Amino acid sequence: MKRVDIRNLSITFGTGPAAARVLPDVSFSVEAGECFGLVGESGSGKSTVLRCISMLTDIWSGKVTIGGTNVRDLAPLARSREIQMVFQDPYGSLHPRQSVRTVLSEPLKIHKLGDREARMSKAITDVGLPLSFLDRFPHQLSGGQRQRVAIARALILEPTVLLLDEPTSALDVSVQAEILNLLQKLREDRGFTYVMVSHDLAVVDHMCARFAVMQHGEVTEILPREAISGNGATHPYARELIAASLAYERAL
């Protein structure tokens, strides 16, 4: 378990009068072993925050630490052992011409880890898939099965922090609960720290102890899970967002 701290995270594109500040000044902390949510409308900067934490985007200023260590001070291989990301689209995140075995073995080769067969077997069974799936290709898998493979790929290096970018939004409703329950069980069993982006407050309510509401790249308010059911937000945008979600749930 490791704590995640984000302080004064900012990204600016361009210079002079035309400069656009995408993330003005984002700060929050995630306790070790916690699942912390990021919610807000499309374009509010949620996924950009994840890309900064993982260093997929490195043009930001500010400070991001994992267990007290600045992510910029970690070598790329060491950083990928600490932080892994599960992307939104299980159809786009797996190479269509690579078998599941290749997908899982590649990071083991890069990191020169032994016992590859045992590690792959454990990873695939830990996400609820049979060993026979190691020899399947993405087109032979359903959306939920593909996302399980993507989760297995993230697990195989045994990271401490998982970044989840709307991991169920591209899946059928019937499959979403299965993946969320899997992620919850993995966190409880292995002590992962999660930072989870979602537009669905019902998902946040199910998974996260706390969440931050983002608007125009800024964190407007950080709230506990309990604030959803009673709309305990104080910021006008956060109250509006939660009210809209509650109204939608009542209309179903």
C-alpha atoms as a PDB file:
ATOM      1  CA  MET A   1       0.000   0.000   0.000  1.00  0.00           C
ATOM      2  CA  LYS A   2       1.289   3.451  -0.897  1.00  0.00           C
ATOM      3  CA  ARG A   3      -0.130   6.933  -0.556  1.00  0.00           C
ATOM      4  CA  VAL A   4      -0.512   9.197  -3.594  1.00  0.00           C
ATOM      5  CA  ASP A   5      -0.029  12.953  -3.217  1.00  0.00           C
ATOM      6  CA  ILE A   6      -0.721  15.498  -5.971  1.00  0.00           C
ATOM      7  CA  ARG A   7       0.320  19.080  -5.308  1.00  0.00           C
ATOM      8  CA  ASN A   8      -0.219  22.104  -7.579  1.00  0.00           C
ATOM      9  CA  LEU A   9      -0.503  19.985 -10.726  1.00  0.00           C
ATOM     10  CA  SER A  10      -0.730  22.294 -13.740  1.00  0.00           C
ATOM     11  CA  ILE A  11      -0.465  22.075 -17.548  1.00  0.00           C
ATOM     12  CA  THR A  12      -0.252  25.037 -19.916  1.00  0.00           C
ATOM     13  CA  PHE A  13      -0.305  24.724 -23.708  1.00  0.00           C
ATOM     14  CA  GLY A  14       1.171  27.540 -25.789  1.00  0.00           C
ATOM     15  CA  THR A  15       2.767  30.792 -24.691  1.00  0.00           C
ATOM     16  CA  GLY A  16       1.797  34.429 -24.349  1.00  0.00           C
ATOM     17  CA  PRO A  17      -1.795  35.655 -24.709  1.00  0.00           C
ATOM     18  CA  ALA A  18      -2.790  32.477 -26.564  1.00  0.00           C
ATOM     19  CA  ALA A  19      -1.622  30.164 -23.742  1.00  0.00           C
ATOM     20  CA  ALA A  20      -4.276  27.757 -22.461  1.00  0.00           C
ATOM     21  CA  ARG A  21      -4.013  26.486 -18.899  1.00  0.00           C
ATOM     22  CA  VAL A  22      -5.649  23.068 -18.987  1.00  0.00           C
ATOM     23  CA  LEU A  23      -5.080  22.082 -15.364  1.00  0.00           C
ATOM     24  CA  PRO A  24      -4.852  25.326 -13.396  1.00  0.00           C
ATOM     25  CA  ASP A  25      -3.781  23.987 -10.003  1.00  0.00           C
ATOM     26  CA  VAL A  26      -4.894  20.502  -8.918  1.00  0.00           C
ATOM     27  CA  SER A  27      -4.116  19.168  -5.431  1.00  0.00           C
ATOM     28  CA  PHE A  28      -5.437  16.138  -3.562  1.00  0.00           C
ATOM     29  CA  SER A  29      -4.178  13.110  -1.635  1.00  0.00           C
ATOM     30  CA  VAL A  30      -5.162   9.447  -1.744  1.00  0.00           C
ATOM     31  CA  GLU A  31      -4.558   7.353   1.349  1.00  0.00           C
ATOM     32  CA  ALA A  32      -2.668   4.063   1.037  1.00  0.00           C
ATOM     33  CA  GLY A  33      -5.137   1.341   0.038  1.00  0.00           C
ATOM     34  CA  GLU A  34      -7.935   3.817  -0.707  1.00  0.00           C
ATOM     35  CA  CYS A  35     -10.054   4.035  -3.850  1.00  0.00           C
ATOM     36  CA  PHE A  36     -10.359   7.739  -4.709  1.00  0.00           C
ATOM     37  CA  GLY A  37     -12.693   8.952  -7.467  1.00  0.00           C
ATOM     38  CA  LEU A  38     -12.461  11.797  -9.966  1.00  0.00           C
ATOM     39  CA  VAL A  39     -15.810  12.909 -11.407  1.00  0.00           C
ATOM     40  CA  GLY A  40     -16.989  15.723 -13.647  1.00  0.00           C
ATOM     41  CA  GLU A  41     -18.262  16.458 -17.127  1.00  0.00           C
ATOM     42  CA  SER A  42     -16.320  15.493 -20.266  1.00  0.00           C
ATOM     43  CA  GLY A  43     -13.302  17.733 -20.746  1.00  0.00           C
ATOM     44  CA  SER A  44     -12.985  18.603 -17.061  1.00  0.00           C
ATOM     45  CA  GLY A  45      -9.460  17.171 -16.876  1.00  0.00           C
ATOM     46  CA  LYS A  46     -10.079  13.854 -15.113  1.00  0.00           C
ATOM     47  CA  SER A  47      -8.178  11.608 -17.518  1.00  0.00           C
ATOM     48  CA  THR A  48      -5.458  14.226 -17.937  1.00  0.00           C
ATOM     49  CA  VAL A  49      -4.721  13.955 -14.203  1.00  0.00           C
ATOM     50  CA  LEU A  50      -4.227  10.185 -14.600  1.00  0.00           C
ATOM     51  CA  ARG A  51      -1.912  10.724 -17.560  1.00  0.00           C
ATOM     52  CA  CYS A  52       0.181  13.106 -15.464  1.00  0.00           C
ATOM     53  CA  ILE A  53       0.416  10.688 -12.526  1.00  0.00           C
ATOM     54  CA  SER A  54       1.537   7.901 -14.852  1.00  0.00           C
ATOM     55  CA  MET A  55       3.908  10.228 -16.783  1.00  0.00           C
ATOM     56  CA  LEU A  56       2.176   9.396 -20.061  1.00  0.00           C
ATOM     57  CA  THR A  57       2.072  13.196 -20.179  1.00  0.00           C
ATOM     58  CA  ASP A  58       5.225  14.795 -18.811  1.00  0.00           C
ATOM     59  CA  ILE A  59       4.798  18.491 -19.631  1.00  0.00           C
ATOM     60  CA  TRP A  60       3.135  19.306 -16.321  1.00  0.00           C
ATOM     61  CA  SER A  61       4.441  21.318 -13.408  1.00  0.00           C
ATOM     62  CA  GLY A  62       3.821  20.619  -9.733  1.00  0.00           C
ATOM     63  CA  LYS A  63       4.590  17.499  -7.737  1.00  0.00           C
ATOM     64  CA  VAL A  64       3.266  13.927  -7.758  1.00  0.00           C
ATOM     65  CA  THR A  65       4.573  11.465  -5.181  1.00  0.00           C
ATOM     66  CA  ILE A  66       3.941   7.745  -4.665  1.00  0.00           C
ATOM     67  CA  GLY A  67       4.767   6.666  -1.134  1.00  0.00           C
ATOM     68  CA  GLY A  68       6.751   9.882  -0.704  1.00  0.00           C
ATOM     69  CA  THR A  69       8.843   9.403  -3.875  1.00  0.00           C
ATOM     70  CA  ASN A  70       8.501  11.925  -6.688  1.00  0.00           C
ATOM     71  CA  VAL A  71       7.406  10.143  -9.875  1.00  0.00           C
ATOM     72  CA  ARG A  72       9.885  12.268 -11.842  1.00  0.00           C
ATOM     73  CA  ASP A  73      12.709  10.746  -9.772  1.00  0.00           C
ATOM     74  CA  LEU A  74      11.722   7.197 -10.728  1.00  0.00           C
ATOM     75  CA  ALA A  75      13.373   5.545 -13.729  1.00  0.00           C
ATOM     76  CA  PRO A  76      10.800   4.429 -16.333  1.00  0.00           C
ATOM     77  CA  LEU A  77      11.109   0.737 -15.426  1.00  0.00           C
ATOM     78  CA  ALA A  78      10.829   1.451 -11.696  1.00  0.00           C
ATOM     79  CA  ARG A  79       7.867   3.753 -12.316  1.00  0.00           C
ATOM     80  CA  SER A  80       5.988   1.106 -14.282  1.00  0.00           C
ATOM     81  CA  ARG A  81       6.516  -1.341 -11.418  1.00  0.00           C
ATOM     82  CA  GLU A  82       4.823   1.174  -9.085  1.00  0.00           C
ATOM     83  CA  ILE A  83       2.036   2.514 -11.323  1.00  0.00           C
ATOM     84  CA  GLN A  84      -0.146   0.771 -13.901  1.00  0.00           C
ATOM     85  CA  MET A  85      -3.184   2.039 -15.786  1.00  0.00           C
ATOM     86  CA  VAL A  86      -6.384   0.378 -17.015  1.00  0.00           C
ATOM     87  CA  PHE A  87      -7.866   2.280 -19.934  1.00  0.00           C
ATOM     88  CA  GLN A  88     -11.474   2.918 -20.853  1.00  0.00           C
ATOM     89  CA  ASP A  89     -11.675   1.030 -24.140  1.00  0.00           C
ATOM     90  CA  PRO A  90     -10.901  -2.698 -23.912  1.00  0.00           C
ATOM     91  CA  TYR A  91     -11.172  -2.908 -27.695  1.00  0.00           C
ATOM     92  CA  GLY A  92      -8.454  -0.331 -28.298  1.00  0.00           C
ATOM     93  CA  SER A  93      -6.052  -1.127 -25.466  1.00  0.00           C
ATOM     94  CA  LEU A  94      -5.138  -4.644 -26.687  1.00  0.00           C
ATOM     95  CA  HIS A  95      -3.147  -5.297 -29.857  1.00  0.00           C
ATOM     96  CA  PRO A  96      -5.467  -7.171 -32.266  1.00  0.00           C
ATOM     97  CA  ARG A  97      -2.658  -9.419 -33.569  1.00  0.00           C
ATOM     98  CA  GLN A  98      -1.189 -10.384 -30.211  1.00  0.00           C
ATOM     99  CA  SER A  99      -2.434 -13.318 -28.172  1.00  0.00           C
ATOM    100  CA  VAL A 100      -3.215 -12.904 -24.498  1.00  0.00           C
ATOM    101  CA  ARG A 101      -0.014 -14.841 -23.767  1.00  0.00           C
ATOM    102  CA  THR A 102       2.014 -12.255 -25.701  1.00  0.00           C
ATOM    103  CA  VAL A 103       0.205  -9.363 -24.016  1.00  0.00           C
ATOM    104  CA  LEU A 104       1.073 -10.711 -20.570  1.00  0.00           C
ATOM    105  CA  SER A 105       4.588 -11.948 -21.338  1.00  0.00           C
ATOM    106  CA  GLU A 106       5.827  -8.685 -22.878  1.00  0.00           C
ATOM    107  CA  PRO A 107       6.119  -6.726 -19.604  1.00  0.00           C
ATOM    108  CA  LEU A 108       7.794  -9.726 -17.962  1.00  0.00           C
ATOM    109  CA  LYS A 109      10.418  -9.788 -20.714  1.00  0.00           C
ATOM    110  CA  ILE A 110      11.001  -6.029 -20.516  1.00  0.00           C
ATOM    111  CA  HIS A 111      11.531  -6.222 -16.762  1.00  0.00           C
ATOM    112  CA  LYS A 112      13.554  -9.462 -17.022  1.00  0.00           C
ATOM    113  CA  LEU A 113      11.321 -11.291 -14.550  1.00  0.00           C
ATOM    114  CA  GLY A 114      11.514 -15.062 -14.209  1.00  0.00           C
ATOM    115  CA  ASP A 115       8.824 -17.707 -13.659  1.00  0.00           C
ATOM    116  CA  ARG A 116       6.903 -16.239 -16.570  1.00  0.00           C
ATOM    117  CA  GLU A 117       4.470 -19.110 -17.035  1.00  0.00           C
ATOM    118  CA  ALA A 118       3.595 -19.112 -13.337  1.00  0.00           C
ATOM    119  CA  ARG A 119       3.166 -15.329 -13.304  1.00  0.00           C
ATOM    120  CA  MET A 120       0.930 -15.392 -16.388  1.00  0.00           C
ATOM    121  CA  SER A 121      -1.148 -18.249 -14.993  1.00  0.00           C
ATOM    122  CA  LYS A 122      -1.677 -16.403 -11.724  1.00  0.00           C
ATOM    123  CA  ALA A 123      -2.555 -13.128 -13.457  1.00  0.00           C
ATOM    124  CA  ILE A 124      -5.141 -14.669 -15.780  1.00  0.00           C
ATOM    125  CA  THR A 125      -6.803 -16.759 -13.064  1.00  0.00           C
ATOM    126  CA  ASP A 126      -6.812 -13.837 -10.615  1.00  0.00           C
ATOM    127  CA  VAL A 127      -9.088 -11.933 -13.018  1.00  0.00           C
ATOM    128  CA  GLY A 128     -11.449 -14.895 -13.370  1.00  0.00           C
ATOM    129  CA  LEU A 129     -10.403 -16.295 -16.743  1.00  0.00           C
ATOM    130  CA  PRO A 130      -9.333 -19.905 -17.463  1.00  0.00           C
ATOM    131  CA  LEU A 131      -5.753 -20.715 -18.471  1.00  0.00           C
ATOM    132  CA  SER A 132      -6.942 -21.662 -21.978  1.00  0.00           C
ATOM    133  CA  PHE A 133      -7.566 -17.957 -22.633  1.00  0.00           C
ATOM    134  CA  LEU A 134      -3.800 -17.358 -22.755  1.00  0.00           C
ATOM    135  CA  ASP A 135      -3.828 -18.645 -26.330  1.00  0.00           C
ATOM    136  CA  ARG A 136      -6.794 -16.573 -27.496  1.00  0.00           C
ATOM    137  CA  PHE A 137      -6.676 -13.327 -29.453  1.00  0.00           C
ATOM    138  CA  PRO A 138      -8.674 -10.176 -28.653  1.00  0.00           C
ATOM    139  CA  HIS A 139     -11.237 -10.819 -31.409  1.00  0.00           C
ATOM    140  CA  GLN A 140     -12.095 -14.100 -29.685  1.00  0.00           C
ATOM    141  CA  LEU A 141     -13.004 -12.329 -26.442  1.00  0.00           C
ATOM    142  CA  SER A 142     -16.042 -10.374 -25.294  1.00  0.00           C
ATOM    143  CA  GLY A 143     -15.693  -6.800 -24.056  1.00  0.00           C
ATOM    144  CA  GLY A 144     -15.724  -7.891 -20.436  1.00  0.00           C
ATOM    145  CA  GLN A 145     -13.135 -10.595 -21.098  1.00  0.00           C
ATOM    146  CA  ARG A 146     -10.904  -8.090 -22.864  1.00  0.00           C
ATOM    147  CA  GLN A 147     -11.088  -5.750 -19.901  1.00  0.00           C
ATOM    148  CA  ARG A 148     -10.176  -8.635 -17.591  1.00  0.00           C
ATOM    149  CA  VAL A 149      -7.094  -9.240 -19.748  1.00  0.00           C
ATOM    150  CA  ALA A 150      -6.231  -5.525 -19.543  1.00  0.00           C
ATOM    151  CA  ILE A 151      -6.518  -5.740 -15.753  1.00  0.00           C
ATOM    152  CA  ALA A 152      -4.328  -8.867 -15.729  1.00  0.00           C
ATOM    153  CA  ARG A 153      -1.723  -6.992 -17.771  1.00  0.00           C
ATOM    154  CA  ALA A 154      -1.764  -4.201 -15.178  1.00  0.00           C
ATOM    155  CA  LEU A 155      -1.457  -6.707 -12.313  1.00  0.00           C
ATOM    156  CA  ILE A 156       1.385  -8.796 -13.684  1.00  0.00           C
ATOM    157  CA  LEU A 157       4.148  -6.386 -12.592  1.00  0.00           C
ATOM    158  CA  GLU A 158       2.633  -6.266  -9.085  1.00  0.00           C
ATOM    159  CA  PRO A 159       2.243  -2.468  -8.874  1.00  0.00           C
ATOM    160  CA  THR A 160       1.150  -0.567  -5.771  1.00  0.00           C
ATOM    161  CA  VAL A 161      -1.052   2.007  -7.555  1.00  0.00           C
ATOM    162  CA  LEU A 162      -3.669   1.359 -10.237  1.00  0.00           C
ATOM    163  CA  LEU A 163      -5.095   4.211 -12.308  1.00  0.00           C
ATOM    164  CA  LEU A 164      -8.559   3.350 -13.636  1.00  0.00           C
ATOM    165  CA  ASP A 165      -9.839   5.480 -16.517  1.00  0.00           C
ATOM    166  CA  GLU A 166     -13.573   4.689 -16.694  1.00  0.00           C
ATOM    167  CA  PRO A 167     -12.827   0.939 -16.775  1.00  0.00           C
ATOM    168  CA  THR A 168     -16.472  -0.114 -17.252  1.00  0.00           C
ATOM    169  CA  SER A 169     -18.058   2.646 -19.345  1.00  0.00           C
ATOM    170  CA  ALA A 170     -17.487   0.817 -22.661  1.00  0.00           C
ATOM    171  CA  LEU A 171     -19.048  -2.414 -21.370  1.00  0.00           C
ATOM    172  CA  ASP A 172     -22.591  -3.737 -21.289  1.00  0.00           C
ATOM    173  CA  VAL A 173     -24.459  -2.948 -18.090  1.00  0.00           C
ATOM    174  CA  SER A 174     -24.657  -6.660 -17.242  1.00  0.00           C
ATOM    175  CA  VAL A 175     -20.840  -6.904 -17.301  1.00  0.00           C
ATOM    176  CA  GLN A 176     -20.040  -3.648 -15.504  1.00  0.00           C
ATOM    177  CA  ALA A 177     -20.897  -4.941 -12.022  1.00  0.00           C
ATOM    178  CA  GLU A 178     -18.707  -8.024 -12.544  1.00  0.00           C
ATOM    179  CA  ILE A 179     -15.667  -5.893 -13.403  1.00  0.00           C
ATOM    180  CA  LEU A 180     -16.277  -3.470 -10.534  1.00  0.00           C
ATOM    181  CA  ASN A 181     -16.611  -6.339  -8.060  1.00  0.00           C
ATOM    182  CA  LEU A 182     -13.401  -7.855  -9.440  1.00  0.00           C
ATOM    183  CA  LEU A 183     -11.537  -4.562  -8.975  1.00  0.00           C
ATOM    184  CA  GLN A 184     -12.904  -4.194  -5.459  1.00  0.00           C
ATOM    185  CA  LYS A 185     -11.832  -7.725  -4.516  1.00  0.00           C
ATOM    186  CA  LEU A 186      -8.334  -7.205  -5.965  1.00  0.00           C
ATOM    187  CA  ARG A 187      -7.903  -4.017  -3.931  1.00  0.00           C
ATOM    188  CA  GLU A 188      -9.031  -5.728  -0.742  1.00  0.00           C
ATOM    189  CA  ASP A 189      -6.817  -8.778  -1.359  1.00  0.00           C
ATOM    190  CA  ARG A 190      -3.676  -6.969  -2.530  1.00  0.00           C
ATOM    191  CA  GLY A 191      -3.947  -3.561  -0.917  1.00  0.00           C
ATOM    192  CA  PHE A 192      -3.819  -1.544  -4.121  1.00  0.00           C
ATOM    193  CA  THR A 193      -4.315   2.212  -4.070  1.00  0.00           C
ATOM    194  CA  TYR A 194      -6.810   3.225  -6.792  1.00  0.00           C
ATOM    195  CA  VAL A 195      -7.381   6.564  -8.505  1.00  0.00           C
ATOM    196  CA  MET A 196     -10.550   6.070 -10.518  1.00  0.00           C
ATOM    197  CA  VAL A 197     -12.059   8.333 -13.160  1.00  0.00           C
ATOM    198  CA  SER A 198     -15.788   7.921 -13.725  1.00  0.00           C
ATOM    199  CA  HIS A 199     -18.741   9.917 -15.013  1.00  0.00           C
ATOM    200  CA  ASP A 200     -21.112   7.589 -13.168  1.00  0.00           C
ATOM    201  CA  LEU A 201     -21.700   8.554  -9.537  1.00  0.00           C
ATOM    202  CA  ALA A 202     -23.298   5.165  -8.878  1.00  0.00           C
ATOM    203  CA  VAL A 203     -19.918   3.580  -9.715  1.00  0.00           C
ATOM    204  CA  VAL A 204     -18.152   6.057  -7.437  1.00  0.00           C
ATOM    205  CA  ASP A 205     -20.626   5.309  -4.641  1.00  0.00           C
ATOM    206  CA  HIS A 206     -19.921   1.586  -5.041  1.00  0.00           C
ATOM    207  CA  MET A 207     -16.120   1.819  -5.280  1.00  0.00           C
ATOM    208  CA  CYS A 208     -14.751   4.969  -3.654  1.00  0.00           C
ATOM    209  CA  ALA A 209     -14.476   6.186  -0.073  1.00  0.00           C
ATOM    210  CA  ARG A 210     -13.960   9.776  -1.287  1.00  0.00           C
ATOM    211  CA  PHE A 211     -14.114  11.616  -4.585  1.00  0.00           C
ATOM    212  CA  ALA A 212     -13.150  14.944  -6.118  1.00  0.00           C
ATOM    213  CA  VAL A 213     -15.502  16.901  -8.373  1.00  0.00           C
ATOM    214  CA  MET A 214     -13.659  18.565 -11.286  1.00  0.00           C
ATOM    215  CA  GLN A 215     -14.767  21.444 -13.513  1.00  0.00           C
ATOM    216  CA  HIS A 216     -12.637  23.204 -16.147  1.00  0.00           C
ATOM    217  CA  GLY A 217      -9.511  21.458 -14.870  1.00  0.00           C
ATOM    218  CA  GLU A 218     -10.004  22.471 -11.246  1.00  0.00           C
ATOM    219  CA  VAL A 219     -11.020  20.457  -8.190  1.00  0.00           C
ATOM    220  CA  THR A 220     -14.125  22.238  -6.928  1.00  0.00           C
ATOM    221  CA  GLU A 221     -14.713  20.032  -3.896  1.00  0.00           C
ATOM    222  CA  ILE A 222     -13.565  16.784  -2.265  1.00  0.00           C
ATOM    223  CA  LEU A 223     -16.390  14.784  -0.716  1.00  0.00           C
ATOM    224  CA  PRO A 224     -16.977  11.508   1.127  1.00  0.00           C
ATOM    225  CA  ARG A 225     -19.071   8.784  -0.491  1.00  0.00           C
ATOM    226  CA  GLU A 226     -21.953   9.610   1.873  1.00  0.00           C
ATOM    227  CA  ALA A 227     -22.358  13.028   0.241  1.00  0.00           C
ATOM    228  CA  ILE A 228     -23.882  11.419  -2.857  1.00  0.00           C
ATOM    229  CA  SER A 229     -27.131  10.044  -1.423  1.00  0.00           C
ATOM    230  CA  GLY A 230     -27.973  13.238   0.471  1.00  0.00           C
ATOM    231  CA  ASN A 231     -26.249  15.659  -1.923  1.00  0.00           C
ATOM    232  CA  GLY A 232     -23.973  17.026   0.764  1.00  0.00           C
ATOM    233  CA  ALA A 233     -21.904  19.150  -1.641  1.00  0.00           C
ATOM    234  CA  THR A 234     -21.463  22.860  -0.993  1.00  0.00           C
ATOM    235  CA  HIS A 235     -19.965  24.041  -4.298  1.00  0.00           C
ATOM    236  CA  PRO A 236     -22.748  24.970  -6.791  1.00  0.00           C
ATOM    237  CA  TYR A 237     -21.354  22.836  -9.630  1.00  0.00           C
ATOM    238  CA  ALA A 238     -20.826  19.810  -7.382  1.00  0.00           C
ATOM    239  CA  ARG A 239     -24.393  20.148  -6.052  1.00  0.00           C
ATOM    240  CA  GLU A 240     -25.740  20.407  -9.596  1.00  0.00           C
ATOM    241  CA  LEU A 241     -23.779  17.357 -10.748  1.00  0.00           C
ATOM    242  CA  ILE A 242     -24.945  15.192  -7.853  1.00  0.00           C
ATOM    243  CA  ALA A 243     -28.536  16.435  -8.198  1.00  0.00           C
ATOM    244  CA  ALA A 244     -28.569  15.503 -11.892  1.00  0.00           C
ATOM    245  CA  SER A 245     -27.238  12.044 -11.094  1.00  0.00           C
ATOM    246  CA  LEU A 246     -29.839  11.485  -8.370  1.00  0.00           C
ATOM    247  CA  ALA A 247     -32.646  12.654 -10.662  1.00  0.00           C
ATOM    248  CA  TYR A 248     -31.438  10.258 -13.360  1.00  0.00           C
ATOM    249  CA  GLU A 249     -31.347   7.351 -10.915  1.00  0.00           C
ATOM    250  CA  ARG A 250     -34.911   8.116  -9.749  1.00  0.00           C
ATOM    251  CA  ALA A 251     -36.134   8.222 -13.351  1.00  0.00           C
ATOM    252  CA  LEU A 252     -34.861   4.723 -14.137  1.00  0.00           C
END
